[in-house]
């Protein structure tokens, strides 16, 4: 390209240069958006939901890693009924080996059993322990408390205001809450 000689030629040259740079900028922005989408897709692929194996549903974790923990528990339980040396067994063994869990549901279950052992009444200490496990006291009637798991109306249970004398009431309650919430 020739060097501009007049002011008008210089202005025309700069106008073309600006147009060229704007076109190049637009192309680069589109490439950037494409690469960012690929990166996002790749990043999500390594997580427990939204991966190539599973599409994320509408459910959200009630605590960090909850859905991953639940899925791993289900896979481990399913693995028990599958013969060794089968393709299914190998695939499940591989998934179980490559997906670490913290065992939070099991830890919560043990804490719940301990907290409710010998349950007689809901005192401040037990209320705090339940709250630490994500169990809220939503309502109280004359004879029962309504419990909610992480405030979700779908996961409720009732607890007698006073425990029984046999000592089994707390164990039975813990068992029911574990089945319903964990």
N, C-alpha and C. Protein backbone atom coordinates (compact mmCIF):
# COMPACT_ATOMS: atom_id res chain seq x y z
N UNK A 1 0.85 -1.18 0.00
CA UNK A 1 0.00 0.00 0.00
C UNK A 1 0.89 1.24 0.00
N UNK A 2 0.49 2.21 -0.76
CA UNK A 2 1.24 3.46 -0.88
C UNK A 2 1.06 4.32 0.34
N UNK A 3 2.11 5.07 0.63
CA UNK A 3 2.06 5.98 1.74
C UNK A 3 1.16 7.15 1.36
N UNK A 4 0.21 7.51 2.27
CA UNK A 4 -0.69 8.63 1.96
C UNK A 4 0.08 9.94 1.83
N UNK A 5 -0.32 10.77 0.85
CA UNK A 5 0.39 12.02 0.59
C UNK A 5 -0.41 13.24 1.04
N UNK A 6 -1.69 13.16 0.93
CA UNK A 6 -2.51 14.31 1.30
C UNK A 6 -3.29 13.99 2.57
N UNK A 7 -3.87 14.98 3.14
CA UNK A 7 -4.68 14.81 4.34
C UNK A 7 -5.86 13.91 4.04
N UNK A 8 -6.49 14.04 2.90
CA UNK A 8 -7.64 13.22 2.54
C UNK A 8 -7.23 11.76 2.36
N UNK A 9 -6.08 11.54 1.71
CA UNK A 9 -5.59 10.17 1.55
C UNK A 9 -5.26 9.56 2.92
N UNK A 10 -4.69 10.35 3.80
CA UNK A 10 -4.35 9.86 5.13
C UNK A 10 -5.62 9.50 5.90
N UNK A 11 -6.65 10.33 5.80
CA UNK A 11 -7.92 10.05 6.49
C UNK A 11 -8.56 8.79 5.91
N UNK A 12 -8.54 8.64 4.60
CA UNK A 12 -9.09 7.43 3.97
C UNK A 12 -8.31 6.20 4.40
N UNK A 13 -6.97 6.35 4.47
CA UNK A 13 -6.11 5.22 4.88
C UNK A 13 -6.45 4.80 6.30
N UNK A 14 -6.59 5.76 7.22
CA UNK A 14 -6.95 5.46 8.61
C UNK A 14 -8.36 4.87 8.72
N UNK A 15 -9.30 5.36 7.92
CA UNK A 15 -10.65 4.80 7.92
C UNK A 15 -10.62 3.32 7.53
N UNK A 16 -9.86 2.98 6.48
CA UNK A 16 -9.73 1.57 6.05
C UNK A 16 -9.06 0.75 7.15
N UNK A 17 -8.03 1.33 7.75
CA UNK A 17 -7.31 0.63 8.82
C UNK A 17 -8.25 0.35 9.99
N UNK A 18 -9.05 1.34 10.36
CA UNK A 18 -10.02 1.15 11.46
C UNK A 18 -11.02 0.06 11.09
N UNK A 19 -11.53 0.10 9.86
CA UNK A 19 -12.49 -0.93 9.40
C UNK A 19 -11.86 -2.32 9.46
N UNK A 20 -10.61 -2.43 8.99
CA UNK A 20 -9.89 -3.72 9.01
C UNK A 20 -9.72 -4.22 10.44
N UNK A 21 -9.32 -3.32 11.34
CA UNK A 21 -9.11 -3.70 12.74
C UNK A 21 -10.42 -4.08 13.43
N UNK A 22 -11.50 -3.39 13.11
CA UNK A 22 -12.80 -3.72 13.68
C UNK A 22 -13.26 -5.11 13.20
N UNK A 23 -13.05 -5.41 11.93
CA UNK A 23 -13.41 -6.72 11.39
C UNK A 23 -12.58 -7.81 12.07
N UNK A 24 -11.27 -7.55 12.20
CA UNK A 24 -10.40 -8.52 12.86
C UNK A 24 -10.80 -8.70 14.33
N UNK A 25 -11.15 -7.60 14.99
CA UNK A 25 -11.59 -7.65 16.38
C UNK A 25 -12.85 -8.52 16.52
N UNK A 26 -13.79 -8.36 15.61
CA UNK A 26 -15.03 -9.15 15.65
C UNK A 26 -14.74 -10.63 15.48
N UNK A 27 -13.85 -10.97 14.57
CA UNK A 27 -13.46 -12.38 14.35
C UNK A 27 -12.82 -12.94 15.62
N UNK A 28 -11.93 -12.16 16.23
CA UNK A 28 -11.26 -12.60 17.46
C UNK A 28 -12.24 -12.76 18.61
N UNK A 29 -13.22 -11.88 18.71
CA UNK A 29 -14.25 -12.00 19.76
C UNK A 29 -15.06 -13.28 19.59
N UNK A 30 -15.42 -13.62 18.35
CA UNK A 30 -16.16 -14.85 18.09
C UNK A 30 -15.32 -16.08 18.44
N UNK A 31 -14.04 -16.06 18.06
CA UNK A 31 -13.15 -17.17 18.41
C UNK A 31 -13.01 -17.29 19.92
N UNK A 32 -12.90 -16.16 20.60
CA UNK A 32 -12.78 -16.16 22.05
C UNK A 32 -14.03 -16.78 22.69
N UNK A 33 -15.21 -16.38 22.22
CA UNK A 33 -16.46 -16.93 22.76
C UNK A 33 -16.53 -18.45 22.55
N UNK A 34 -16.11 -18.89 21.37
CA UNK A 34 -16.10 -20.33 21.07
C UNK A 34 -15.15 -21.07 22.01
N UNK A 35 -13.96 -20.52 22.21
CA UNK A 35 -12.98 -21.16 23.09
C UNK A 35 -13.45 -21.15 24.55
N UNK A 36 -14.07 -20.06 24.98
CA UNK A 36 -14.59 -20.01 26.35
C UNK A 36 -15.68 -21.05 26.56
N UNK A 37 -16.54 -21.23 25.56
CA UNK A 37 -17.59 -22.24 25.67
C UNK A 37 -16.98 -23.64 25.75
N UNK A 38 -15.97 -23.90 24.92
CA UNK A 38 -15.28 -25.20 24.97
C UNK A 38 -14.64 -25.42 26.33
N UNK A 39 -14.01 -24.37 26.86
CA UNK A 39 -13.37 -24.48 28.16
C UNK A 39 -14.40 -24.76 29.25
N UNK A 40 -15.51 -24.06 29.18
CA UNK A 40 -16.57 -24.29 30.16
C UNK A 40 -17.10 -25.72 30.05
N UNK A 41 -17.35 -26.18 28.85
CA UNK A 41 -17.83 -27.55 28.64
C UNK A 41 -16.81 -28.55 29.18
N UNK A 42 -15.54 -28.29 28.93
CA UNK A 42 -14.49 -29.18 29.40
C UNK A 42 -14.39 -29.16 30.92
N UNK A 43 -14.51 -27.99 31.53
CA UNK A 43 -14.42 -27.87 32.99
C UNK A 43 -15.55 -28.61 33.66
N UNK A 44 -16.76 -28.48 33.13
CA UNK A 44 -17.91 -29.15 33.71
C UNK A 44 -17.80 -30.66 33.53
N UNK A 45 -17.13 -31.12 32.48
CA UNK A 45 -17.04 -32.56 32.22
C UNK A 45 -16.32 -33.30 33.33
N UNK A 46 -15.47 -32.65 34.08
CA UNK A 46 -14.75 -33.32 35.15
C UNK A 46 -15.51 -33.37 36.47
N UNK A 47 -16.67 -32.76 36.54
CA UNK A 47 -17.43 -32.71 37.78
C UNK A 47 -18.47 -33.82 37.80
N UNK A 48 -19.10 -33.98 38.98
CA UNK A 48 -20.04 -35.07 39.16
C UNK A 48 -21.33 -34.89 38.36
N UNK A 49 -21.69 -33.66 38.03
CA UNK A 49 -22.88 -33.44 37.23
C UNK A 49 -22.51 -32.70 35.97
N UNK A 50 -23.25 -32.91 34.92
CA UNK A 50 -22.99 -32.22 33.68
C UNK A 50 -21.84 -32.82 32.91
N UNK A 51 -21.38 -33.99 33.28
CA UNK A 51 -20.26 -34.60 32.59
C UNK A 51 -20.76 -35.36 31.37
N UNK A 52 -19.84 -35.99 30.68
CA UNK A 52 -20.23 -36.81 29.55
C UNK A 52 -21.05 -38.00 30.03
N UNK A 53 -20.88 -38.40 31.26
CA UNK A 53 -21.61 -39.53 31.80
C UNK A 53 -23.04 -39.17 32.18
N UNK A 54 -23.21 -38.01 32.79
CA UNK A 54 -24.52 -37.62 33.30
C UNK A 54 -24.81 -36.17 32.96
N UNK A 55 -26.06 -35.90 32.69
CA UNK A 55 -26.49 -34.52 32.50
C UNK A 55 -27.05 -34.03 33.83
N UNK A 56 -26.73 -32.81 34.18
CA UNK A 56 -27.23 -32.25 35.43
C UNK A 56 -28.74 -32.11 35.35
N UNK A 57 -29.39 -32.49 36.41
CA UNK A 57 -30.84 -32.32 36.50
C UNK A 57 -31.16 -31.00 37.18
N UNK A 58 -32.38 -30.89 37.66
CA UNK A 58 -32.82 -29.66 38.30
C UNK A 58 -32.45 -29.61 39.78
N UNK A 59 -32.13 -30.76 40.37
CA UNK A 59 -31.78 -30.80 41.80
C UNK A 59 -30.45 -30.11 42.04
N UNK A 60 -30.36 -29.43 43.17
CA UNK A 60 -29.12 -28.78 43.58
C UNK A 60 -28.63 -29.42 44.87
N UNK A 61 -27.34 -29.34 45.10
CA UNK A 61 -26.77 -29.84 46.35
C UNK A 61 -27.37 -29.08 47.52
N UNK A 62 -27.79 -29.80 48.56
CA UNK A 62 -28.22 -29.14 49.79
C UNK A 62 -27.01 -28.79 50.64
N UNK A 63 -25.92 -29.51 50.46
CA UNK A 63 -24.62 -29.16 51.04
C UNK A 63 -23.59 -29.49 49.97
N UNK A 64 -22.41 -28.91 50.01
CA UNK A 64 -21.43 -29.12 48.94
C UNK A 64 -21.09 -30.60 48.72
N UNK A 65 -21.21 -31.03 47.47
CA UNK A 65 -20.87 -32.39 47.09
C UNK A 65 -21.93 -33.43 47.37
N UNK A 66 -23.12 -33.01 47.80
CA UNK A 66 -24.17 -33.96 48.19
C UNK A 66 -24.56 -34.90 47.06
N UNK A 67 -24.84 -34.36 45.89
CA UNK A 67 -25.31 -35.21 44.78
C UNK A 67 -24.22 -36.20 44.38
N UNK A 68 -22.98 -35.75 44.35
CA UNK A 68 -21.85 -36.64 44.04
C UNK A 68 -21.78 -37.78 45.05
N UNK A 69 -21.93 -37.47 46.33
CA UNK A 69 -21.89 -38.49 47.39
C UNK A 69 -23.04 -39.49 47.21
N UNK A 70 -24.22 -38.99 46.92
CA UNK A 70 -25.37 -39.87 46.74
C UNK A 70 -25.14 -40.81 45.56
N UNK A 71 -24.68 -40.26 44.44
CA UNK A 71 -24.43 -41.09 43.26
C UNK A 71 -23.38 -42.15 43.53
N UNK A 72 -22.33 -41.78 44.25
CA UNK A 72 -21.28 -42.77 44.56
C UNK A 72 -21.82 -43.86 45.48
N UNK A 73 -22.66 -43.50 46.45
CA UNK A 73 -23.29 -44.51 47.31
C UNK A 73 -24.14 -45.47 46.50
N UNK A 74 -24.90 -44.92 45.56
CA UNK A 74 -25.76 -45.76 44.71
C UNK A 74 -24.91 -46.68 43.84
N UNK A 75 -23.82 -46.16 43.28
CA UNK A 75 -22.94 -47.00 42.46
C UNK A 75 -22.31 -48.13 43.29
N UNK A 76 -21.88 -47.81 44.49
CA UNK A 76 -21.28 -48.84 45.35
C UNK A 76 -22.30 -49.91 45.70
N UNK A 77 -23.51 -49.49 45.97
CA UNK A 77 -24.56 -50.45 46.31
C UNK A 77 -24.91 -51.31 45.09
N UNK A 78 -24.97 -50.69 43.92
CA UNK A 78 -25.27 -51.44 42.70
C UNK A 78 -24.16 -52.43 42.38
N UNK A 79 -22.94 -52.06 42.69
CA UNK A 79 -21.78 -52.92 42.39
C UNK A 79 -21.85 -54.24 43.14
N UNK A 80 -22.44 -54.23 44.32
CA UNK A 80 -22.52 -55.44 45.15
C UNK A 80 -23.25 -56.58 44.43
N UNK A 81 -24.20 -56.25 43.58
CA UNK A 81 -25.00 -57.26 42.91
C UNK A 81 -24.49 -57.65 41.54
N UNK A 82 -23.29 -57.23 41.18
CA UNK A 82 -22.76 -57.50 39.84
C UNK A 82 -21.57 -58.44 39.94
N UNK A 83 -21.56 -59.44 39.09
CA UNK A 83 -20.48 -60.44 39.11
C UNK A 83 -19.14 -59.84 38.72
N UNK A 84 -18.09 -60.28 39.42
CA UNK A 84 -16.73 -59.86 39.08
C UNK A 84 -16.38 -60.32 37.67
N UNK A 85 -15.53 -59.56 37.00
CA UNK A 85 -15.08 -59.94 35.67
C UNK A 85 -16.03 -59.55 34.55
N UNK A 86 -17.13 -58.90 34.90
CA UNK A 86 -18.07 -58.45 33.85
C UNK A 86 -17.74 -57.02 33.46
N UNK A 87 -18.19 -56.62 32.31
CA UNK A 87 -17.96 -55.26 31.84
C UNK A 87 -18.57 -54.25 32.82
N UNK A 88 -19.78 -54.54 33.28
CA UNK A 88 -20.45 -53.64 34.22
C UNK A 88 -19.63 -53.48 35.49
N UNK A 89 -19.11 -54.59 35.98
CA UNK A 89 -18.30 -54.53 37.20
C UNK A 89 -17.05 -53.69 36.97
N UNK A 90 -16.40 -53.88 35.83
CA UNK A 90 -15.19 -53.12 35.54
C UNK A 90 -15.47 -51.62 35.42
N UNK A 91 -16.56 -51.27 34.76
CA UNK A 91 -16.92 -49.86 34.60
C UNK A 91 -17.23 -49.25 35.97
N UNK A 92 -18.03 -49.93 36.78
CA UNK A 92 -18.36 -49.39 38.10
C UNK A 92 -17.13 -49.31 39.00
N UNK A 93 -16.29 -50.33 38.96
CA UNK A 93 -15.06 -50.30 39.76
C UNK A 93 -14.19 -49.11 39.37
N UNK A 94 -14.09 -48.85 38.07
CA UNK A 94 -13.30 -47.72 37.59
C UNK A 94 -13.89 -46.40 38.07
N UNK A 95 -15.20 -46.24 37.95
CA UNK A 95 -15.84 -45.00 38.40
C UNK A 95 -15.67 -44.81 39.90
N UNK A 96 -15.86 -45.86 40.66
CA UNK A 96 -15.73 -45.78 42.11
C UNK A 96 -14.29 -45.42 42.50
N UNK A 97 -13.33 -46.02 41.81
CA UNK A 97 -11.92 -45.76 42.12
C UNK A 97 -11.49 -44.33 41.77
N UNK A 98 -12.13 -43.73 40.77
CA UNK A 98 -11.69 -42.41 40.30
C UNK A 98 -12.57 -41.26 40.77
N UNK A 99 -13.49 -41.54 41.65
CA UNK A 99 -14.36 -40.49 42.19
C UNK A 99 -14.30 -40.53 43.70
N UNK A 100 -13.46 -39.68 44.26
CA UNK A 100 -13.31 -39.64 45.71
C UNK A 100 -14.54 -39.05 46.37
N UNK A 101 -14.83 -39.56 47.53
CA UNK A 101 -15.92 -39.01 48.34
C UNK A 101 -15.40 -38.76 49.74
N UNK A 102 -16.11 -37.94 50.46
CA UNK A 102 -15.74 -37.64 51.84
C UNK A 102 -16.53 -38.48 52.84
N UNK A 103 -17.56 -39.19 52.37
CA UNK A 103 -18.37 -40.01 53.27
C UNK A 103 -19.26 -39.18 54.17
N UNK A 104 -19.68 -38.03 53.69
CA UNK A 104 -20.48 -37.12 54.51
C UNK A 104 -21.80 -37.74 54.95
N UNK A 105 -22.56 -38.42 54.08
CA UNK A 105 -23.81 -39.03 54.56
C UNK A 105 -23.58 -40.04 55.69
N UNK A 106 -22.54 -40.84 55.59
CA UNK A 106 -22.24 -41.80 56.66
C UNK A 106 -21.86 -41.08 57.95
N UNK A 107 -21.06 -40.03 57.84
CA UNK A 107 -20.67 -39.27 59.02
C UNK A 107 -21.90 -38.61 59.66
N UNK A 108 -22.79 -38.07 58.81
CA UNK A 108 -24.01 -37.45 59.33
C UNK A 108 -24.89 -38.49 60.01
N UNK A 109 -24.98 -39.68 59.42
CA UNK A 109 -25.80 -40.74 60.01
C UNK A 109 -25.27 -41.13 61.39
N UNK A 110 -23.96 -41.27 61.51
CA UNK A 110 -23.38 -41.62 62.82
C UNK A 110 -23.61 -40.51 63.83
N UNK A 111 -23.46 -39.27 63.42
CA UNK A 111 -23.70 -38.13 64.32
C UNK A 111 -25.15 -38.09 64.76
N UNK A 112 -26.05 -38.39 63.84
CA UNK A 112 -27.48 -38.38 64.15
C UNK A 112 -27.82 -39.49 65.15
N UNK A 113 -27.26 -40.68 64.94
CA UNK A 113 -27.49 -41.79 65.88
C UNK A 113 -26.98 -41.42 67.28
N UNK A 114 -25.81 -40.82 67.33
CA UNK A 114 -25.22 -40.43 68.61
C UNK A 114 -26.07 -39.36 69.29
N UNK A 115 -26.49 -38.37 68.52
CA UNK A 115 -27.27 -37.26 69.08
C UNK A 115 -28.62 -37.73 69.62
N UNK A 116 -29.23 -38.71 68.96
CA UNK A 116 -30.58 -39.13 69.35
C UNK A 116 -30.59 -40.35 70.28
N UNK A 117 -29.43 -40.86 70.60
CA UNK A 117 -29.35 -42.02 71.49
C UNK A 117 -29.93 -41.63 72.86
N UNK A 118 -30.91 -42.38 73.29
CA UNK A 118 -31.55 -42.11 74.58
C UNK A 118 -32.37 -40.83 74.59
N UNK A 119 -32.89 -40.42 73.45
CA UNK A 119 -33.66 -39.17 73.34
C UNK A 119 -34.81 -39.13 74.33
N UNK A 120 -34.85 -38.06 75.12
CA UNK A 120 -35.94 -37.82 76.08
C UNK A 120 -36.68 -36.53 75.76
N UNK A 121 -35.89 -35.47 75.49
CA UNK A 121 -36.49 -34.18 75.17
C UNK A 121 -35.54 -33.37 74.29
N UNK A 122 -36.10 -32.40 73.60
CA UNK A 122 -35.31 -31.54 72.72
C UNK A 122 -34.76 -30.37 73.53
N UNK A 123 -33.51 -30.47 73.93
CA UNK A 123 -32.87 -29.37 74.65
C UNK A 123 -32.03 -28.57 73.65
N UNK A 124 -31.39 -27.52 74.16
CA UNK A 124 -30.60 -26.63 73.28
C UNK A 124 -29.45 -27.37 72.62
N UNK A 125 -28.83 -28.28 73.34
CA UNK A 125 -27.70 -29.03 72.78
C UNK A 125 -28.14 -29.91 71.61
N UNK A 126 -29.24 -30.64 71.78
CA UNK A 126 -29.74 -31.50 70.71
C UNK A 126 -30.22 -30.66 69.53
N UNK A 127 -30.86 -29.56 69.82
CA UNK A 127 -31.32 -28.66 68.75
C UNK A 127 -30.14 -28.18 67.92
N UNK A 128 -29.03 -27.81 68.57
CA UNK A 128 -27.82 -27.36 67.88
C UNK A 128 -27.22 -28.49 67.05
N UNK A 129 -27.18 -29.70 67.60
CA UNK A 129 -26.63 -30.85 66.87
C UNK A 129 -27.46 -31.15 65.63
N UNK A 130 -28.77 -31.10 65.76
CA UNK A 130 -29.64 -31.33 64.60
C UNK A 130 -29.43 -30.24 63.56
N UNK A 131 -29.36 -29.00 64.03
CA UNK A 131 -29.15 -27.88 63.11
C UNK A 131 -27.82 -28.03 62.36
N UNK A 132 -26.77 -28.47 63.06
CA UNK A 132 -25.47 -28.69 62.42
C UNK A 132 -25.54 -29.76 61.33
N UNK A 133 -26.51 -30.68 61.44
CA UNK A 133 -26.69 -31.73 60.45
C UNK A 133 -27.65 -31.32 59.34
N UNK A 134 -28.12 -30.08 59.38
CA UNK A 134 -29.02 -29.57 58.34
C UNK A 134 -30.49 -29.84 58.66
N UNK A 135 -30.78 -30.24 59.88
CA UNK A 135 -32.16 -30.55 60.27
C UNK A 135 -32.69 -29.40 61.11
N UNK A 136 -33.72 -28.75 60.59
CA UNK A 136 -34.32 -27.59 61.26
C UNK A 136 -35.61 -27.99 61.95
N UNK A 137 -35.89 -27.35 63.09
CA UNK A 137 -37.17 -27.52 63.76
C UNK A 137 -38.10 -26.48 63.14
N UNK A 138 -39.01 -26.94 62.28
CA UNK A 138 -39.85 -26.02 61.52
C UNK A 138 -41.07 -25.57 62.32
N UNK A 139 -41.68 -26.51 63.04
CA UNK A 139 -42.90 -26.20 63.79
C UNK A 139 -42.95 -27.06 65.04
N UNK A 140 -43.78 -26.64 65.98
CA UNK A 140 -44.01 -27.45 67.17
C UNK A 140 -45.49 -27.46 67.47
N UNK A 141 -46.02 -28.65 67.65
CA UNK A 141 -47.40 -28.79 68.13
C UNK A 141 -47.29 -29.21 69.59
N UNK A 142 -48.40 -29.62 70.17
CA UNK A 142 -48.35 -30.03 71.58
C UNK A 142 -47.54 -31.30 71.77
N UNK A 143 -47.55 -32.19 70.80
CA UNK A 143 -46.90 -33.49 70.98
C UNK A 143 -45.73 -33.76 70.05
N UNK A 144 -45.56 -32.96 68.98
CA UNK A 144 -44.53 -33.25 67.98
C UNK A 144 -43.83 -32.00 67.49
N UNK A 145 -42.62 -32.22 67.01
CA UNK A 145 -41.88 -31.21 66.27
C UNK A 145 -41.90 -31.62 64.82
N UNK A 146 -42.04 -30.65 63.93
CA UNK A 146 -41.91 -30.91 62.51
C UNK A 146 -40.49 -30.56 62.11
N UNK A 147 -39.77 -31.53 61.54
CA UNK A 147 -38.39 -31.35 61.13
C UNK A 147 -38.32 -31.18 59.63
N UNK A 148 -37.40 -30.33 59.18
CA UNK A 148 -37.15 -30.15 57.75
C UNK A 148 -35.65 -30.31 57.51
N UNK A 149 -35.33 -30.94 56.39
CA UNK A 149 -33.93 -31.10 56.02
C UNK A 149 -33.52 -29.94 55.14
N UNK A 150 -32.60 -29.13 55.62
CA UNK A 150 -32.11 -27.92 54.95
C UNK A 150 -33.26 -27.00 54.51
N UNK A 151 -34.32 -26.98 55.27
CA UNK A 151 -35.44 -26.09 54.99
C UNK A 151 -36.27 -26.46 53.78
N UNK A 152 -36.03 -27.64 53.21
CA UNK A 152 -36.74 -28.07 52.00
C UNK A 152 -38.05 -28.75 52.41
N UNK A 153 -39.17 -28.18 51.97
CA UNK A 153 -40.50 -28.70 52.34
C UNK A 153 -40.75 -30.14 51.87
N UNK A 154 -39.97 -30.63 50.92
CA UNK A 154 -40.15 -32.00 50.44
C UNK A 154 -39.62 -33.03 51.43
N UNK A 155 -38.71 -32.60 52.30
CA UNK A 155 -38.06 -33.53 53.21
C UNK A 155 -38.40 -33.16 54.65
N UNK A 156 -39.50 -33.72 55.12
CA UNK A 156 -39.97 -33.43 56.47
C UNK A 156 -40.17 -34.73 57.23
N UNK A 157 -40.14 -34.61 58.54
CA UNK A 157 -40.40 -35.73 59.43
C UNK A 157 -40.92 -35.15 60.73
N UNK A 158 -41.51 -36.01 61.53
CA UNK A 158 -41.97 -35.53 62.83
C UNK A 158 -41.18 -36.23 63.93
N UNK A 159 -41.07 -35.53 65.05
CA UNK A 159 -40.33 -36.05 66.20
C UNK A 159 -41.18 -35.76 67.43
N UNK A 160 -41.38 -36.77 68.24
CA UNK A 160 -42.17 -36.59 69.45
C UNK A 160 -41.49 -35.57 70.36
N UNK A 161 -42.29 -34.77 71.04
CA UNK A 161 -41.73 -33.77 71.95
C UNK A 161 -41.00 -34.42 73.11
N UNK A 162 -41.47 -35.59 73.52
CA UNK A 162 -40.78 -36.34 74.56
C UNK A 162 -40.53 -37.74 74.05
N UNK A 163 -39.32 -38.25 74.33
CA UNK A 163 -38.96 -39.60 73.91
C UNK A 163 -39.58 -40.63 74.81
N UNK A 164 -39.62 -41.87 74.34
CA UNK A 164 -40.17 -42.95 75.14
C UNK A 164 -39.18 -43.40 76.21
N UNK A 165 -39.69 -44.20 77.14
CA UNK A 165 -38.86 -44.69 78.25
C UNK A 165 -37.97 -45.86 77.84
N UNK A 166 -38.30 -46.55 76.77
CA UNK A 166 -37.56 -47.76 76.41
C UNK A 166 -36.16 -47.47 75.85
N UNK A 167 -35.92 -46.25 75.42
CA UNK A 167 -34.63 -45.92 74.82
C UNK A 167 -34.58 -46.23 73.34
N UNK A 168 -35.59 -46.92 72.82
CA UNK A 168 -35.62 -47.28 71.41
C UNK A 168 -36.14 -46.13 70.55
N UNK A 169 -36.86 -45.21 71.16
CA UNK A 169 -37.44 -44.09 70.40
C UNK A 169 -36.40 -43.28 69.66
N UNK A 170 -35.31 -42.97 70.33
CA UNK A 170 -34.23 -42.20 69.70
C UNK A 170 -33.59 -42.96 68.56
N UNK A 171 -33.37 -44.27 68.76
CA UNK A 171 -32.77 -45.09 67.69
C UNK A 171 -33.72 -45.20 66.50
N UNK A 172 -35.00 -45.40 66.78
CA UNK A 172 -35.98 -45.49 65.69
C UNK A 172 -36.09 -44.17 64.94
N UNK A 173 -36.09 -43.07 65.69
CA UNK A 173 -36.15 -41.75 65.06
C UNK A 173 -34.93 -41.52 64.18
N UNK A 174 -33.76 -41.84 64.69
CA UNK A 174 -32.53 -41.69 63.91
C UNK A 174 -32.61 -42.51 62.63
N UNK A 175 -33.07 -43.74 62.74
CA UNK A 175 -33.21 -44.60 61.56
C UNK A 175 -34.15 -43.99 60.52
N UNK A 176 -35.28 -43.47 61.00
CA UNK A 176 -36.25 -42.85 60.08
C UNK A 176 -35.67 -41.61 59.41
N UNK A 177 -34.96 -40.78 60.18
CA UNK A 177 -34.38 -39.56 59.61
C UNK A 177 -33.27 -39.88 58.62
N UNK A 178 -32.49 -40.90 58.90
CA UNK A 178 -31.43 -41.32 57.98
C UNK A 178 -32.04 -41.77 56.66
N UNK A 179 -33.09 -42.58 56.74
CA UNK A 179 -33.76 -43.04 55.51
C UNK A 179 -34.34 -41.88 54.72
N UNK A 180 -34.95 -40.94 55.41
CA UNK A 180 -35.64 -39.84 54.74
C UNK A 180 -34.69 -38.76 54.23
N UNK A 181 -33.67 -38.42 55.02
CA UNK A 181 -32.84 -37.26 54.72
C UNK A 181 -31.48 -37.62 54.10
N UNK A 182 -30.94 -38.78 54.41
CA UNK A 182 -29.59 -39.08 53.97
C UNK A 182 -29.59 -40.16 52.92
